[in-house]
Amino acid sequence: MHKKQRESFNKKYFIFAIIGVVIFAVALSLLTLKDTKTNQKKTTGQPQTEYKTIKKSLDKQFNQNGRIVAIKEEHNINDSTSKHPHTVIIIKLIDSQTQKYLKTTYEAVQNNQATDDQKQYIYSIQKIVSDEAKKLHNNDDVIQFVYKDGKKNIPVASSQKNKFLIQPVKITQPKQKAAA
């Protein structure tokens, strides 16, 4: 009789132990699952790199005579400029008069029919974009200057920290007279 009591006692402990292990495993997996979800929210919800000083500088340089451009920052862009998601600062020309002039000027440059003044105008835009791009935090982020032509945005200048995405216009420097 003593032997039977001992067997049932072992079965009871065994059943309680299994139930305890199952409850512990379920609780542990639920807690682990919650932690990974909150960690994912924290990493994806982190603010991306903000370029407030660069945007302010661009605004100051391009909007000296009124509201000529709108500057916006787009995050997690996947395009051909980089293998990694990156930030693009877009400088969009919004003044219609300047837009007409820029369109004819840029088309003249593209067709090799531009005057020196037209080349200088496009080059100055590209230079500002390039100089500000050198202040970017990494080599993947981009600054781009565009104007609207119909439904398309036409890029005039586009640079990353260490390279031009649109080659700058070649301008001829005025020849200086040799000193006698």
C-alpha atoms as a PDB file:
ATOM      1  CA  MET A   1       0.000   0.000   0.000  1.00  0.00           C
ATOM      2  CA  HIS A   2       2.802   2.309   0.790  1.00  0.00           C
ATOM      3  CA  LYS A   3       4.203   1.699  -2.699  1.00  0.00           C
ATOM      4  CA  LYS A   4       0.927   2.715  -4.425  1.00  0.00           C
ATOM      5  CA  GLN A   5       0.749   5.918  -2.479  1.00  0.00           C
ATOM      6  CA  ARG A   6       4.271   6.783  -3.477  1.00  0.00           C
ATOM      7  CA  GLU A   7       3.583   6.171  -7.195  1.00  0.00           C
ATOM      8  CA  SER A   8       0.535   8.402  -7.254  1.00  0.00           C
ATOM      9  CA  PHE A   9       2.458  11.015  -5.301  1.00  0.00           C
ATOM     10  CA  ASN A  10       5.200  10.974  -7.962  1.00  0.00           C
ATOM     11  CA  LYS A  11       2.599  11.210 -10.733  1.00  0.00           C
ATOM     12  CA  LYS A  12       1.067  14.256  -9.050  1.00  0.00           C
ATOM     13  CA  TYR A  13       4.436  15.980  -8.774  1.00  0.00           C
ATOM     14  CA  PHE A  14       5.245  15.016 -12.315  1.00  0.00           C
ATOM     15  CA  ILE A  15       1.967  16.497 -13.641  1.00  0.00           C
ATOM     16  CA  PHE A  16       2.433  19.675 -11.577  1.00  0.00           C
ATOM     17  CA  ALA A  17       6.009  19.992 -12.768  1.00  0.00           C
ATOM     18  CA  ILE A  18       4.991  19.652 -16.430  1.00  0.00           C
ATOM     19  CA  ILE A  19       2.178  22.179 -16.005  1.00  0.00           C
ATOM     20  CA  GLY A  20       4.612  24.554 -14.264  1.00  0.00           C
ATOM     21  CA  VAL A  21       7.210  24.204 -17.015  1.00  0.00           C
ATOM     22  CA  VAL A  22       4.571  24.804 -19.715  1.00  0.00           C
ATOM     23  CA  ILE A  23       3.254  27.897 -17.921  1.00  0.00           C
ATOM     24  CA  PHE A  24       6.800  29.176 -17.429  1.00  0.00           C
ATOM     25  CA  ALA A  25       7.663  28.587 -21.101  1.00  0.00           C
ATOM     26  CA  VAL A  26       4.507  30.363 -22.288  1.00  0.00           C
ATOM     27  CA  ALA A  27       5.122  33.309 -19.956  1.00  0.00           C
ATOM     28  CA  LEU A  28       8.759  33.565 -21.027  1.00  0.00           C
ATOM     29  CA  SER A  29       7.912  33.461 -24.728  1.00  0.00           C
ATOM     30  CA  LEU A  30       5.211  36.132 -24.300  1.00  0.00           C
ATOM     31  CA  LEU A  31       7.602  38.425 -22.445  1.00  0.00           C
ATOM     32  CA  THR A  32      10.319  37.886 -25.035  1.00  0.00           C
ATOM     33  CA  LEU A  33       7.868  38.577 -27.845  1.00  0.00           C
ATOM     34  CA  LYS A  34       6.747  41.833 -26.177  1.00  0.00           C
ATOM     35  CA  ASP A  35      10.360  42.973 -25.749  1.00  0.00           C
ATOM     36  CA  THR A  36      11.193  42.416 -29.420  1.00  0.00           C
ATOM     37  CA  LYS A  37       8.085  44.323 -30.513  1.00  0.00           C
ATOM     38  CA  THR A  38       8.914  47.310 -28.304  1.00  0.00           C
ATOM     39  CA  ASN A  39      12.551  47.233 -29.428  1.00  0.00           C
ATOM     40  CA  GLN A  40      11.439  47.233 -33.069  1.00  0.00           C
ATOM     41  CA  LYS A  41       9.173  50.202 -32.398  1.00  0.00           C
ATOM     42  CA  LYS A  42      12.031  52.040 -30.746  1.00  0.00           C
ATOM     43  CA  THR A  43      14.452  51.463 -33.624  1.00  0.00           C
ATOM     44  CA  THR A  44      12.017  52.215 -36.431  1.00  0.00           C
ATOM     45  CA  GLY A  45      10.496  55.126 -34.566  1.00  0.00           C
ATOM     46  CA  GLN A  46      13.798  56.863 -33.956  1.00  0.00           C
ATOM     47  CA  PRO A  47      14.025  60.248 -35.618  1.00  0.00           C
ATOM     48  CA  GLN A  48      16.216  60.207 -38.670  1.00  0.00           C
ATOM     49  CA  THR A  49      19.060  62.607 -39.096  1.00  0.00           C
ATOM     50  CA  GLU A  50      17.677  66.103 -39.245  1.00  0.00           C
ATOM     51  CA  TYR A  51      19.546  68.635 -41.311  1.00  0.00           C
ATOM     52  CA  LYS A  52      18.049  71.806 -39.841  1.00  0.00           C
ATOM     53  CA  THR A  53      21.227  73.872 -40.176  1.00  0.00           C
ATOM     54  CA  ILE A  54      21.795  72.819 -43.791  1.00  0.00           C
ATOM     55  CA  LYS A  55      18.169  73.552 -44.688  1.00  0.00           C
ATOM     56  CA  LYS A  56      18.405  76.931 -42.980  1.00  0.00           C
ATOM     57  CA  SER A  57      21.598  77.752 -44.877  1.00  0.00           C
ATOM     58  CA  LEU A  58      20.052  76.692 -48.203  1.00  0.00           C
ATOM     59  CA  ASP A  59      16.957  78.765 -47.466  1.00  0.00           C
ATOM     60  CA  LYS A  60      19.116  81.787 -46.701  1.00  0.00           C
ATOM     61  CA  GLN A  61      21.099  81.416 -49.943  1.00  0.00           C
ATOM     62  CA  PHE A  62      18.219  80.690 -52.323  1.00  0.00           C
ATOM     63  CA  ASN A  63      15.440  82.808 -50.776  1.00  0.00           C
ATOM     64  CA  GLN A  64      17.288  86.122 -50.491  1.00  0.00           C
ATOM     65  CA  ASN A  65      14.826  87.980 -52.748  1.00  0.00           C
ATOM     66  CA  GLY A  66      11.533  86.534 -51.570  1.00  0.00           C
ATOM     67  CA  ARG A  67      10.196  83.009 -51.665  1.00  0.00           C
ATOM     68  CA  ILE A  68      11.947  81.366 -54.641  1.00  0.00           C
ATOM     69  CA  VAL A  69      12.377  77.772 -53.444  1.00  0.00           C
ATOM     70  CA  ALA A  70      10.742  75.322 -51.062  1.00  0.00           C
ATOM     71  CA  ILE A  71      13.039  72.995 -49.154  1.00  0.00           C
ATOM     72  CA  LYS A  72      11.892  69.653 -47.826  1.00  0.00           C
ATOM     73  CA  GLU A  73      13.588  66.641 -46.338  1.00  0.00           C
ATOM     74  CA  GLU A  74      12.564  63.074 -47.178  1.00  0.00           C
ATOM     75  CA  HIS A  75      13.772  60.096 -45.139  1.00  0.00           C
ATOM     76  CA  ASN A  76      14.289  56.391 -45.905  1.00  0.00           C
ATOM     77  CA  ILE A  77      14.515  56.884 -49.665  1.00  0.00           C
ATOM     78  CA  ASN A  78      15.537  53.849 -51.720  1.00  0.00           C
ATOM     79  CA  ASP A  79      16.780  54.804 -55.168  1.00  0.00           C
ATOM     80  CA  SER A  80      19.707  54.333 -57.523  1.00  0.00           C
ATOM     81  CA  THR A  81      21.949  56.834 -55.728  1.00  0.00           C
ATOM     82  CA  SER A  82      22.671  54.473 -52.835  1.00  0.00           C
ATOM     83  CA  LYS A  83      22.279  50.852 -51.788  1.00  0.00           C
ATOM     84  CA  HIS A  84      21.034  51.965 -48.369  1.00  0.00           C
ATOM     85  CA  PRO A  85      17.952  53.956 -47.367  1.00  0.00           C
ATOM     86  CA  HIS A  86      18.990  57.585 -47.087  1.00  0.00           C
ATOM     87  CA  THR A  87      17.778  61.141 -46.628  1.00  0.00           C
ATOM     88  CA  VAL A  88      17.226  63.494 -49.559  1.00  0.00           C
ATOM     89  CA  ILE A  89      16.992  67.249 -49.144  1.00  0.00           C
ATOM     90  CA  ILE A  90      14.998  68.554 -52.100  1.00  0.00           C
ATOM     91  CA  ILE A  91      15.250  72.204 -53.094  1.00  0.00           C
ATOM     92  CA  LYS A  92      12.274  72.781 -55.368  1.00  0.00           C
ATOM     93  CA  LEU A  93      11.996  75.956 -57.413  1.00  0.00           C
ATOM     94  CA  ILE A  94       8.529  77.439 -56.875  1.00  0.00           C
ATOM     95  CA  ASP A  95       8.799  80.939 -58.358  1.00  0.00           C
ATOM     96  CA  SER A  96       7.240  80.761 -61.846  1.00  0.00           C
ATOM     97  CA  GLN A  97       9.343  83.556 -63.383  1.00  0.00           C
ATOM     98  CA  THR A  98      12.595  82.026 -62.159  1.00  0.00           C
ATOM     99  CA  GLN A  99      11.357  78.614 -63.268  1.00  0.00           C
ATOM    100  CA  LYS A 100      10.928  79.796 -66.869  1.00  0.00           C
ATOM    101  CA  TYR A 101      14.390  81.346 -66.881  1.00  0.00           C
ATOM    102  CA  LEU A 102      15.990  78.277 -65.320  1.00  0.00           C
ATOM    103  CA  LYS A 103      14.277  75.958 -67.796  1.00  0.00           C
ATOM    104  CA  THR A 104      15.550  77.852 -70.858  1.00  0.00           C
ATOM    105  CA  THR A 105      18.980  78.280 -69.289  1.00  0.00           C
ATOM    106  CA  TYR A 106      19.361  74.621 -68.315  1.00  0.00           C
ATOM    107  CA  GLU A 107      18.148  73.426 -71.726  1.00  0.00           C
ATOM    108  CA  ALA A 108      20.687  75.741 -73.399  1.00  0.00           C
ATOM    109  CA  VAL A 109      23.440  74.270 -71.216  1.00  0.00           C
ATOM    110  CA  GLN A 110      22.318  70.723 -72.058  1.00  0.00           C
ATOM    111  CA  ASN A 111      22.355  71.542 -75.795  1.00  0.00           C
ATOM    112  CA  ASN A 112      25.783  73.249 -75.623  1.00  0.00           C
ATOM    113  CA  GLN A 113      24.238  76.562 -76.712  1.00  0.00           C
ATOM    114  CA  ALA A 114      24.506  78.436 -73.414  1.00  0.00           C
ATOM    115  CA  THR A 115      26.141  81.809 -72.987  1.00  0.00           C
ATOM    116  CA  ASP A 116      28.797  82.275 -70.326  1.00  0.00           C
ATOM    117  CA  ASP A 117      26.213  83.993 -68.092  1.00  0.00           C
ATOM    118  CA  GLN A 118      23.829  81.038 -68.413  1.00  0.00           C
ATOM    119  CA  LYS A 119      26.614  78.579 -67.601  1.00  0.00           C
ATOM    120  CA  GLN A 120      27.610  80.703 -64.608  1.00  0.00           C
ATOM    121  CA  TYR A 121      23.993  80.764 -63.372  1.00  0.00           C
ATOM    122  CA  ILE A 122      23.664  76.958 -63.456  1.00  0.00           C
ATOM    123  CA  TYR A 123      27.162  76.518 -62.031  1.00  0.00           C
ATOM    124  CA  SER A 124      26.358  78.798 -59.076  1.00  0.00           C
ATOM    125  CA  ILE A 125      23.330  76.637 -58.190  1.00  0.00           C
ATOM    126  CA  GLN A 126      25.442  73.480 -58.475  1.00  0.00           C
ATOM    127  CA  LYS A 127      28.198  75.033 -56.357  1.00  0.00           C
ATOM    128  CA  ILE A 128      25.804  75.944 -53.528  1.00  0.00           C
ATOM    129  CA  VAL A 129      24.339  72.419 -53.549  1.00  0.00           C
ATOM    130  CA  SER A 130      27.799  70.836 -53.628  1.00  0.00           C
ATOM    131  CA  ASP A 131      29.134  73.003 -50.788  1.00  0.00           C
ATOM    132  CA  GLU A 132      26.143  72.223 -48.568  1.00  0.00           C
ATOM    133  CA  ALA A 133      26.348  68.502 -49.424  1.00  0.00           C
ATOM    134  CA  LYS A 134      29.848  68.417 -47.920  1.00  0.00           C
ATOM    135  CA  LYS A 135      28.172  69.092 -44.542  1.00  0.00           C
ATOM    136  CA  LEU A 136      26.003  65.946 -44.729  1.00  0.00           C
ATOM    137  CA  HIS A 137      26.574  63.333 -42.012  1.00  0.00           C
ATOM    138  CA  ASN A 138      27.217  60.397 -44.357  1.00  0.00           C
ATOM    139  CA  ASN A 139      28.026  59.528 -47.960  1.00  0.00           C
ATOM    140  CA  ASP A 140      24.541  58.200 -48.797  1.00  0.00           C
ATOM    141  CA  ASP A 141      22.425  61.307 -48.150  1.00  0.00           C
ATOM    142  CA  VAL A 142      21.696  63.653 -51.072  1.00  0.00           C
ATOM    143  CA  ILE A 143      20.913  67.310 -51.723  1.00  0.00           C
ATOM    144  CA  GLN A 144      19.050  67.932 -54.960  1.00  0.00           C
ATOM    145  CA  PHE A 145      17.880  71.132 -56.710  1.00  0.00           C
ATOM    146  CA  VAL A 146      14.919  70.628 -59.074  1.00  0.00           C
ATOM    147  CA  TYR A 147      12.476  72.632 -61.143  1.00  0.00           C
ATOM    148  CA  LYS A 148       9.070  71.502 -62.348  1.00  0.00           C
ATOM    149  CA  ASP A 149       8.550  70.951 -66.083  1.00  0.00           C
ATOM    150  CA  GLY A 150       4.999  69.811 -66.666  1.00  0.00           C
ATOM    151  CA  LYS A 151       4.474  66.913 -64.293  1.00  0.00           C
ATOM    152  CA  LYS A 152       8.171  66.041 -63.932  1.00  0.00           C
ATOM    153  CA  ASN A 153      10.825  67.419 -61.619  1.00  0.00           C
ATOM    154  CA  ILE A 154      14.020  68.114 -63.563  1.00  0.00           C
ATOM    155  CA  PRO A 155      17.200  67.926 -61.450  1.00  0.00           C
ATOM    156  CA  VAL A 156      19.693  70.725 -62.086  1.00  0.00           C
ATOM    157  CA  ALA A 157      22.100  69.958 -59.252  1.00  0.00           C
ATOM    158  CA  SER A 158      22.484  66.834 -57.150  1.00  0.00           C
ATOM    159  CA  SER A 159      25.330  66.007 -54.779  1.00  0.00           C
ATOM    160  CA  GLN A 160      26.327  63.636 -52.035  1.00  0.00           C
ATOM    161  CA  LYS A 161      28.954  64.369 -49.411  1.00  0.00           C
ATOM    162  CA  ASN A 162      31.873  63.226 -51.558  1.00  0.00           C
ATOM    163  CA  LYS A 163      30.592  63.257 -55.139  1.00  0.00           C
ATOM    164  CA  PHE A 164      28.479  65.008 -57.723  1.00  0.00           C
ATOM    165  CA  LEU A 165      25.465  63.044 -58.938  1.00  0.00           C
ATOM    166  CA  ILE A 166      25.034  65.594 -61.744  1.00  0.00           C
ATOM    167  CA  GLN A 167      28.345  66.779 -63.150  1.00  0.00           C
ATOM    168  CA  PRO A 168      28.819  70.529 -62.724  1.00  0.00           C
ATOM    169  CA  VAL A 169      28.774  72.834 -65.717  1.00  0.00           C
ATOM    170  CA  LYS A 170      32.231  73.651 -67.019  1.00  0.00           C
ATOM    171  CA  ILE A 171      32.760  77.378 -67.064  1.00  0.00           C
ATOM    172  CA  THR A 172      35.612  79.232 -68.694  1.00  0.00           C
ATOM    173  CA  GLN A 173      37.548  81.496 -66.417  1.00  0.00           C
ATOM    174  CA  PRO A 174      38.324  84.928 -67.859  1.00  0.00           C
ATOM    175  CA  LYS A 175      41.955  85.174 -68.896  1.00  0.00           C
ATOM    176  CA  GLN A 176      43.992  87.577 -66.841  1.00  0.00           C
ATOM    177  CA  LYS A 177      46.496  89.869 -68.465  1.00  0.00           C
ATOM    178  CA  ALA A 178      50.074  88.945 -67.800  1.00  0.00           C
ATOM    179  CA  ALA A 179      51.922  91.411 -65.606  1.00  0.00           C
ATOM    180  CA  ALA A 180      54.738  93.155 -67.409  1.00  0.00           C
END
